[in-house]
Amino acid sequence: MNLQYISDSKGKTTGVFVPIQDWQYLKKKYKGLENEEQTFDIPEWHKAIIDQRLAAYKANPTDVIDFDLACDDIEKEQ
C-alpha cells in the first residue's frame, strides 16, 4: 500500500492520502467500510460566495497574498 502522509507547515501529520486502488481493496477486505464514505452537497449560497471571490480575483489578480504567509500571520495572532 502506497500511502502518502500530509503534514502542516510545522511538520505535524494531519492526514493521509490513500490511492484509489488501495481504497477499493480496503473496502472489499473490511465490509462496511464503504459506509464511512460521505458525499456532501454544496449549498447554493456557498457556490455564490465562491463565484464572488473568483470574480474579485479575476478583476484584481495581483491583489492576493501567499497562502503560507497568510497562515503564518493567522498563527501569530493566536
Protein backbone atom coordinates (compact mmCIF):
# COMPACT_ATOMS: atom_id res chain seq x y z
CA MET A 1 0.00 0.00 0.00
CA ASN A 2 1.47 3.34 -1.07
CA LEU A 3 0.13 5.81 1.50
CA GLN A 4 1.12 9.46 1.41
CA TYR A 5 1.09 11.40 4.65
CA ILE A 6 0.00 15.03 4.69
CA SER A 7 1.72 17.41 7.10
CA ASP A 8 1.15 21.00 8.14
CA SER A 9 3.78 23.74 7.96
CA LYS A 10 5.19 22.61 11.31
CA GLY A 11 5.67 19.01 10.20
CA LYS A 12 2.70 17.62 12.15
CA THR A 13 0.90 14.84 10.30
CA THR A 14 -2.64 16.00 9.61
CA GLY A 15 -3.93 13.44 7.15
CA VAL A 16 -3.24 10.59 4.81
CA PHE A 17 -3.84 10.07 1.11
CA VAL A 18 -4.88 6.54 0.11
CA PRO A 19 -4.62 5.72 -3.62
CA ILE A 20 -7.98 4.69 -5.06
CA GLN A 21 -6.90 1.13 -5.88
CA ASP A 22 -5.84 0.65 -2.24
CA TRP A 23 -9.13 2.17 -1.04
CA GLN A 24 -11.08 -0.27 -3.23
CA TYR A 25 -9.05 -3.17 -1.76
CA LEU A 26 -9.70 -1.99 1.80
CA LYS A 27 -13.45 -1.71 1.14
CA LYS A 28 -13.50 -5.31 -0.07
CA LYS A 29 -11.42 -6.54 2.86
CA TYR A 30 -13.35 -4.68 5.57
CA LYS A 31 -17.05 -4.96 4.85
CA GLY A 32 -18.96 -1.89 5.95
CA LEU A 33 -16.02 0.46 5.38
CA GLU A 34 -17.86 2.00 2.44
CA ASN A 35 -20.39 3.29 4.99
CA GLU A 36 -17.67 5.69 6.13
CA GLU A 37 -17.69 7.40 2.73
CA GLN A 38 -19.78 10.52 2.72
CA THR A 39 -20.86 12.76 -0.06
CA PHE A 40 -21.84 16.33 0.55
CA ASP A 41 -23.99 18.63 -1.48
CA ILE A 42 -22.58 22.13 -1.56
CA PRO A 43 -25.25 24.68 -0.65
CA GLU A 44 -26.05 27.26 -3.32
CA TRP A 45 -25.03 30.12 -1.02
CA HIS A 46 -21.53 28.56 -0.75
CA LYS A 47 -21.32 28.41 -4.52
CA ALA A 48 -22.40 32.06 -4.73
CA ILE A 49 -19.60 33.11 -2.37
CA ILE A 50 -17.05 31.19 -4.44
CA ASP A 51 -18.35 32.82 -7.62
CA GLN A 52 -18.00 36.27 -5.99
CA ARG A 53 -14.46 35.54 -4.83
CA LEU A 54 -13.42 34.21 -8.24
CA ALA A 55 -14.85 37.32 -9.92
CA ALA A 56 -12.97 39.55 -7.45
CA TYR A 57 -9.75 37.65 -8.16
CA LYS A 58 -10.21 37.89 -11.93
CA ALA A 59 -10.81 41.64 -11.60
CA ASN A 60 -7.64 42.12 -9.49
CA PRO A 61 -5.35 39.08 -9.86
CA THR A 62 -2.40 40.85 -8.22
CA ASP A 63 -4.39 41.73 -5.10
CA VAL A 64 -3.65 38.45 -3.29
CA ILE A 65 -1.27 37.15 -0.63
CA ASP A 66 0.63 33.88 -0.43
CA PHE A 67 -1.29 31.12 1.37
CA ASP A 68 1.63 30.14 3.61
CA LEU A 69 2.21 33.78 4.60
CA ALA A 70 -1.49 34.17 5.41
CA CYS A 71 -1.36 31.04 7.60
CA ASP A 72 1.76 32.35 9.36
CA ASP A 73 0.01 35.66 10.05
CA ILE A 74 -3.03 33.84 11.49
CA GLU A 75 -0.83 31.68 13.72
CA LYS A 76 0.99 34.77 15.02
CA GLU A 77 -2.35 36.31 16.06
CA GLN A 78 -3.23 33.35 18.29
